[in-house]
């Protein structure tokens, strides 16, 4: 445990899971759903671990960007039907269980993705059904493999097409009419169509999905200050809530003043000063972004 954690009584940032795999590549953390045999369908175990990771990683200063992906040939095939068949606890009816446990555990994943201060880049291939669609929508950016197919699978089993924030995110990403087409129809929508509709930042071969997303994440880390990047996500997420223009301006003003007074902001300003060009060239590490 580092001095940072000990001094402020923060938890140890260890990520040991069974249904989730965390790989740390410097400031980029790769979070993989790790249940390939079940197409990474959302079991209670997987959802609990994902929520635990998202809550914990917010305070991890070493994590700058998260890449979210799935092991095997699919990203997430919706809710795990084996867990859906579990009987409720003896002191609960099925409606109570579904409301207090199942539905909240599902939706908390999306809430925690939004609360997570680090940008989340989805590296997505194969099926994204039901909850997999919603998690895809909650990513800040998306790299799709050519095999990626997304659909509102809930409709096929008599549920609604809107769940886990899909009705919030998707109209803002692709527009209202296209969101209606996706969420009112259980048909599968492929990577190329979704790219044309503005859902994806890139479409690449399946084998290149993860490394393309990681390269994007590494470039962001290399070219930005940690605190400034987190504040940028904060402002963008607030704008999705329908915050007024003037409130967006106020948040941007506040964030710029905060960022300009960090060590990174001060050194960045010095770096841009023509008087310091020689020193910047001779001592680039002195002006590197690294402070939270």
Protein backbone atom coordinates (compact mmCIF):
# COMPACT_ATOMS: atom_id res chain seq x y z
CA UNK A 1 0.00 0.00 0.00
CA UNK A 2 1.39 3.40 -0.99
CA UNK A 3 1.77 6.49 1.19
CA UNK A 4 -1.12 7.99 -0.79
CA UNK A 5 -3.42 5.27 0.50
CA UNK A 6 -2.00 4.99 4.01
CA UNK A 7 -2.07 8.74 4.73
CA UNK A 8 -5.70 9.10 3.67
CA UNK A 9 -6.96 5.70 4.89
CA UNK A 10 -7.92 4.60 1.39
CA UNK A 11 -8.40 0.93 0.50
CA UNK A 12 -5.68 -1.08 -1.16
CA UNK A 13 -6.31 -1.01 -4.89
CA UNK A 14 -6.21 -4.71 -5.60
CA UNK A 15 -8.48 -6.20 -8.21
CA UNK A 16 -8.74 -9.95 -7.68
CA UNK A 17 -11.87 -11.32 -9.29
CA UNK A 18 -13.19 -14.52 -10.85
CA UNK A 19 -15.67 -13.23 -13.43
CA UNK A 20 -13.62 -10.11 -14.18
CA UNK A 21 -10.02 -9.83 -15.34
CA UNK A 22 -8.03 -6.63 -14.78
CA UNK A 23 -4.81 -6.00 -16.69
CA UNK A 24 -2.80 -2.88 -15.91
CA UNK A 25 -0.75 -1.41 -18.74
CA UNK A 26 0.68 1.62 -17.03
CA UNK A 27 -2.12 4.18 -16.67
CA UNK A 28 -4.49 2.14 -18.88
CA UNK A 29 -6.53 -0.54 -17.08
CA UNK A 30 -8.11 -3.24 -19.24
CA UNK A 31 -11.27 -4.60 -17.62
CA UNK A 32 -12.51 -7.83 -19.24
CA UNK A 33 -15.70 -9.72 -18.53
CA UNK A 34 -14.30 -13.19 -17.89
CA UNK A 35 -17.02 -15.77 -18.52
CA UNK A 36 -16.44 -16.66 -22.16
CA UNK A 37 -18.23 -20.02 -21.92
CA UNK A 38 -21.44 -18.12 -21.15
CA UNK A 39 -20.72 -15.33 -23.67
CA UNK A 40 -20.04 -13.07 -20.65
CA UNK A 41 -23.73 -13.02 -19.76
CA UNK A 42 -24.40 -11.00 -16.61
CA UNK A 43 -24.41 -13.34 -13.62
CA UNK A 44 -24.82 -11.98 -10.11
CA UNK A 45 -21.13 -12.73 -9.51
CA UNK A 46 -19.99 -10.85 -12.61
CA UNK A 47 -22.20 -7.83 -11.89
CA UNK A 48 -21.11 -7.66 -8.24
CA UNK A 49 -17.44 -7.74 -9.25
CA UNK A 50 -17.89 -5.12 -11.98
CA UNK A 51 -19.66 -2.78 -9.54
CA UNK A 52 -16.91 -3.35 -6.96
CA UNK A 53 -14.23 -2.52 -9.53
CA UNK A 54 -15.95 0.67 -10.72
CA UNK A 55 -16.49 1.97 -7.19
CA UNK A 56 -12.92 1.22 -6.14
CA UNK A 57 -11.06 2.38 -9.26
CA UNK A 58 -12.45 5.94 -9.04
CA UNK A 59 -9.98 6.63 -6.23
CA UNK A 60 -7.05 4.87 -7.91
CA UNK A 61 -4.81 7.72 -9.05
CA UNK A 62 -2.71 5.35 -11.19
CA UNK A 63 -5.67 4.57 -13.47
CA UNK A 64 -6.13 7.21 -16.16
CA UNK A 65 -8.30 5.45 -18.76
CA UNK A 66 -10.28 2.18 -18.67
CA UNK A 67 -10.71 -0.13 -21.66
CA UNK A 68 -13.76 -2.38 -21.24
CA UNK A 69 -13.97 -5.63 -23.20
CA UNK A 70 -15.07 -9.26 -23.00
CA UNK A 71 -13.09 -12.48 -23.15
CA UNK A 72 -13.84 -14.87 -26.00
CA UNK A 73 -16.05 -14.18 -28.98
CA UNK A 74 -18.71 -11.96 -27.42
CA UNK A 75 -18.87 -8.85 -25.29
CA UNK A 76 -21.99 -9.56 -23.22
CA UNK A 77 -25.02 -11.67 -24.09
CA UNK A 78 -27.42 -10.05 -21.63
CA UNK A 79 -28.56 -11.49 -18.31
CA UNK A 80 -27.37 -14.97 -17.37
CA UNK A 81 -30.51 -17.09 -17.63
CA UNK A 82 -29.17 -19.58 -15.07
CA UNK A 83 -29.23 -16.82 -12.45
CA UNK A 84 -32.57 -15.55 -13.71
CA UNK A 85 -34.07 -18.94 -12.78
CA UNK A 86 -32.92 -18.74 -9.14
CA UNK A 87 -35.71 -18.80 -6.58
CA UNK A 88 -36.04 -15.64 -4.46
CA UNK A 89 -34.99 -15.66 -0.78
CA UNK A 90 -37.55 -17.11 1.64
CA UNK A 91 -38.38 -13.68 3.07
CA UNK A 92 -38.94 -12.10 -0.35
CA UNK A 93 -41.35 -12.58 -3.20
CA UNK A 94 -40.07 -12.58 -6.76
CA UNK A 95 -41.05 -8.94 -7.32
CA UNK A 96 -39.19 -7.89 -4.17
CA UNK A 97 -36.12 -9.88 -5.22
CA UNK A 98 -36.15 -8.47 -8.73
CA UNK A 99 -36.55 -4.90 -7.46
CA UNK A 100 -34.16 -4.92 -4.50
CA UNK A 101 -31.47 -7.20 -5.87
CA UNK A 102 -31.56 -8.10 -9.54
CA UNK A 103 -32.71 -4.88 -11.18
CA UNK A 104 -30.63 -2.63 -8.95
CA UNK A 105 -27.51 -4.73 -9.38
CA UNK A 106 -27.99 -4.51 -13.15
CA UNK A 107 -28.59 -0.76 -13.26
CA UNK A 108 -25.87 0.03 -10.69
CA UNK A 109 -23.34 -1.02 -13.32
CA UNK A 110 -24.43 1.89 -15.50
CA UNK A 111 -24.66 4.32 -12.58
CA UNK A 112 -21.13 3.40 -11.53
CA UNK A 113 -19.83 3.71 -15.10
CA UNK A 114 -21.11 7.29 -15.15
CA UNK A 115 -19.72 8.07 -11.71
CA UNK A 116 -16.34 6.63 -12.68
CA UNK A 117 -14.12 9.65 -13.33
CA UNK A 118 -11.86 7.91 -15.83
CA UNK A 119 -12.95 7.75 -19.48
CA UNK A 120 -14.17 4.28 -20.46
CA UNK A 121 -13.44 3.03 -23.99
CA UNK A 122 -15.40 -0.03 -25.08
CA UNK A 123 -13.46 -2.61 -27.10
CA UNK A 124 -16.48 -4.58 -28.28
CA UNK A 125 -17.01 -7.58 -30.53
CA UNK A 126 -19.55 -10.33 -30.96
CA UNK A 127 -22.95 -10.12 -29.31
CA UNK A 128 -24.14 -7.24 -27.12
CA UNK A 129 -27.65 -8.28 -26.18
CA UNK A 130 -30.00 -6.61 -23.69
CA UNK A 131 -27.79 -5.54 -20.81
CA UNK A 132 -24.78 -5.82 -23.13
CA UNK A 133 -26.40 -3.16 -25.31
CA UNK A 134 -26.86 -0.89 -22.30
CA UNK A 135 -23.29 -1.31 -21.08
CA UNK A 136 -22.06 -0.57 -24.61
CA UNK A 137 -24.08 2.65 -24.61
CA UNK A 138 -22.63 3.73 -21.26
CA UNK A 139 -19.05 3.64 -22.56
CA UNK A 140 -17.65 7.08 -23.37
CA UNK A 141 -16.19 5.84 -26.66
CA UNK A 142 -16.53 2.62 -28.61
CA UNK A 143 -14.27 0.56 -30.89
CA UNK A 144 -16.34 -2.15 -32.58
CA UNK A 145 -15.12 -5.38 -34.09
CA UNK A 146 -16.61 -6.40 -37.42
CA UNK A 147 -18.57 -9.18 -35.69
CA UNK A 148 -20.30 -6.81 -33.26
CA UNK A 149 -24.08 -7.16 -33.23
CA UNK A 150 -26.35 -5.30 -30.82
CA UNK A 151 -30.02 -5.76 -30.06
CA UNK A 152 -32.67 -5.08 -27.42
CA UNK A 153 -33.04 -8.72 -26.51
CA UNK A 154 -35.46 -7.98 -23.66
CA UNK A 155 -38.22 -7.50 -26.24
CA UNK A 156 -37.94 -11.13 -27.30
CA UNK A 157 -38.90 -12.38 -23.82
CA UNK A 158 -41.84 -10.04 -23.21
CA UNK A 159 -39.93 -7.29 -21.40
CA UNK A 160 -39.54 -3.69 -22.54
CA UNK A 161 -36.75 -2.61 -24.86
CA UNK A 162 -35.43 -0.06 -22.37
CA UNK A 163 -33.29 -1.05 -19.43
CA UNK A 164 -30.09 -0.05 -17.63
CA UNK A 165 -29.97 3.47 -19.06
CA UNK A 166 -30.45 2.55 -22.71
CA UNK A 167 -33.33 5.01 -23.14
CA UNK A 168 -31.10 7.75 -21.67
CA UNK A 169 -27.92 7.21 -23.68
CA UNK A 170 -28.98 5.86 -27.06
CA UNK A 171 -31.13 8.80 -28.29
CA UNK A 172 -28.27 11.14 -27.40
CA UNK A 173 -25.77 9.01 -29.31
CA UNK A 174 -27.64 8.12 -32.51
CA UNK A 175 -30.70 10.40 -32.40
CA UNK A 176 -34.28 9.73 -31.33
CA UNK A 177 -35.63 8.04 -34.47
CA UNK A 178 -32.68 5.64 -34.77
CA UNK A 179 -32.84 4.87 -31.05
CA UNK A 180 -36.51 3.99 -31.55
CA UNK A 181 -35.59 1.64 -34.38
CA UNK A 182 -33.05 -0.14 -32.17
CA UNK A 183 -35.03 -0.25 -28.91
CA UNK A 184 -38.45 -1.01 -30.41
CA UNK A 185 -37.19 -3.91 -32.51
CA UNK A 186 -35.28 -6.99 -31.31
CA UNK A 187 -33.49 -7.21 -34.68
CA UNK A 188 -29.68 -7.18 -34.59
CA UNK A 189 -27.80 -4.10 -35.71
CA UNK A 190 -24.29 -4.67 -37.01
CA UNK A 191 -21.06 -2.75 -36.52
CA UNK A 192 -21.02 -0.98 -39.89
CA UNK A 193 -24.59 0.30 -39.57
CA UNK A 194 -23.93 1.49 -36.02
CA UNK A 195 -20.75 3.23 -37.15
CA UNK A 196 -22.68 5.04 -39.87
CA UNK A 197 -25.19 6.13 -37.24
CA UNK A 198 -22.47 7.60 -35.02
CA UNK A 199 -22.50 4.90 -32.34
CA UNK A 200 -18.86 3.89 -32.82
CA UNK A 201 -15.57 5.78 -33.07
CA UNK A 202 -13.91 2.97 -35.05
CA UNK A 203 -14.78 -0.33 -36.74
CA UNK A 204 -11.84 -2.72 -37.08
CA UNK A 205 -11.16 -6.43 -37.49
CA UNK A 206 -12.04 -8.44 -34.39
CA UNK A 207 -8.39 -9.27 -33.75
CA UNK A 208 -7.55 -5.55 -33.65
CA UNK A 209 -10.35 -4.36 -31.35
CA UNK A 210 -8.52 -4.44 -28.05
CA UNK A 211 -5.20 -3.01 -29.25
CA UNK A 212 -6.96 -0.22 -31.16
CA UNK A 213 -8.83 0.80 -28.01
CA UNK A 214 -5.66 0.56 -25.91
CA UNK A 215 -3.77 2.73 -28.43
CA UNK A 216 -6.52 5.38 -28.16
CA UNK A 217 -6.30 5.22 -24.38
CA UNK A 218 -2.50 5.48 -24.36
CA UNK A 219 -2.60 8.50 -26.65
CA UNK A 220 -5.07 10.20 -24.31
CA UNK A 221 -2.81 9.51 -21.34
CA UNK A 222 0.27 10.70 -23.19
CA UNK A 223 -1.20 13.99 -24.34
CA UNK A 224 -3.34 15.05 -21.38
CA UNK A 225 -3.07 15.86 -17.68
CA UNK A 226 -4.80 13.34 -15.35
CA UNK A 227 -6.92 15.88 -13.47
CA UNK A 228 -7.85 17.76 -16.63
CA UNK A 229 -9.02 14.54 -18.30
CA UNK A 230 -11.26 13.63 -15.36
CA UNK A 231 -12.79 17.10 -15.29
CA UNK A 232 -13.44 16.89 -19.04
CA UNK A 233 -15.48 13.70 -18.57
CA UNK A 234 -17.36 15.34 -15.70
CA UNK A 235 -18.44 18.27 -17.87
CA UNK A 236 -19.43 16.08 -20.82
CA UNK A 237 -21.48 13.75 -18.62
CA UNK A 238 -23.28 16.69 -17.03
CA UNK A 239 -24.22 18.00 -20.47
CA UNK A 240 -26.02 14.71 -21.16
CA UNK A 241 -28.38 15.45 -18.28
CA UNK A 242 -29.87 18.39 -20.15
CA UNK A 243 -28.01 20.91 -18.04
CA UNK A 244 -28.65 24.44 -19.28
CA UNK A 245 -26.13 26.23 -21.48
CA UNK A 246 -25.25 28.67 -18.73
CA UNK A 247 -24.69 25.88 -16.20
CA UNK A 248 -22.38 24.12 -18.66
CA UNK A 249 -20.43 27.36 -19.04
CA UNK A 250 -20.20 27.74 -15.27
CA UNK A 251 -18.87 24.20 -14.90
CA UNK A 252 -16.33 24.73 -17.68
CA UNK A 253 -15.19 27.99 -16.04
CA UNK A 254 -14.82 26.30 -12.67
CA UNK A 255 -12.93 23.35 -14.17
CA UNK A 256 -10.53 25.56 -16.11
CA UNK A 257 -9.66 27.57 -13.01
CA UNK A 258 -9.15 24.38 -11.01
CA UNK A 259 -6.98 22.76 -13.69
CA UNK A 260 -4.90 25.89 -14.26
CA UNK A 261 -3.86 25.85 -10.61
CA UNK A 262 -2.67 22.24 -10.52
CA UNK A 263 1.02 21.47 -10.95
CA UNK A 264 0.23 20.14 -14.43
CA UNK A 265 -1.58 23.35 -15.36
CA UNK A 266 1.25 25.53 -14.13
CA UNK A 267 3.93 23.46 -15.89
CA UNK A 268 1.82 23.29 -19.06
CA UNK A 269 1.62 27.07 -19.18
CA UNK A 270 5.38 27.35 -18.69
CA UNK A 271 5.87 24.78 -21.46
CA UNK A 272 3.99 26.99 -23.91
CA UNK A 273 5.97 30.12 -23.02
CA UNK A 274 8.38 30.91 -25.91
CA UNK A 275 11.02 31.92 -23.35
CA UNK A 276 11.20 28.34 -22.10
CA UNK A 277 11.54 26.55 -25.45
CA UNK A 278 15.20 25.69 -24.94
CA UNK A 279 14.57 24.32 -21.47
CA UNK A 280 11.59 22.28 -22.69
CA UNK A 281 13.77 20.71 -25.36
CA UNK A 282 16.60 19.92 -22.96
CA UNK A 283 14.45 18.80 -20.02
CA UNK A 284 11.17 17.38 -21.41
CA UNK A 285 10.55 15.27 -18.31
CA UNK A 286 10.34 18.45 -16.24
CA UNK A 287 7.21 19.48 -18.14
CA UNK A 288 5.54 16.05 -18.40
CA UNK A 289 1.99 15.61 -17.13
CA UNK A 290 1.92 13.31 -14.13
CA UNK A 291 0.22 14.94 -11.16
CA UNK A 292 -3.31 14.28 -9.93
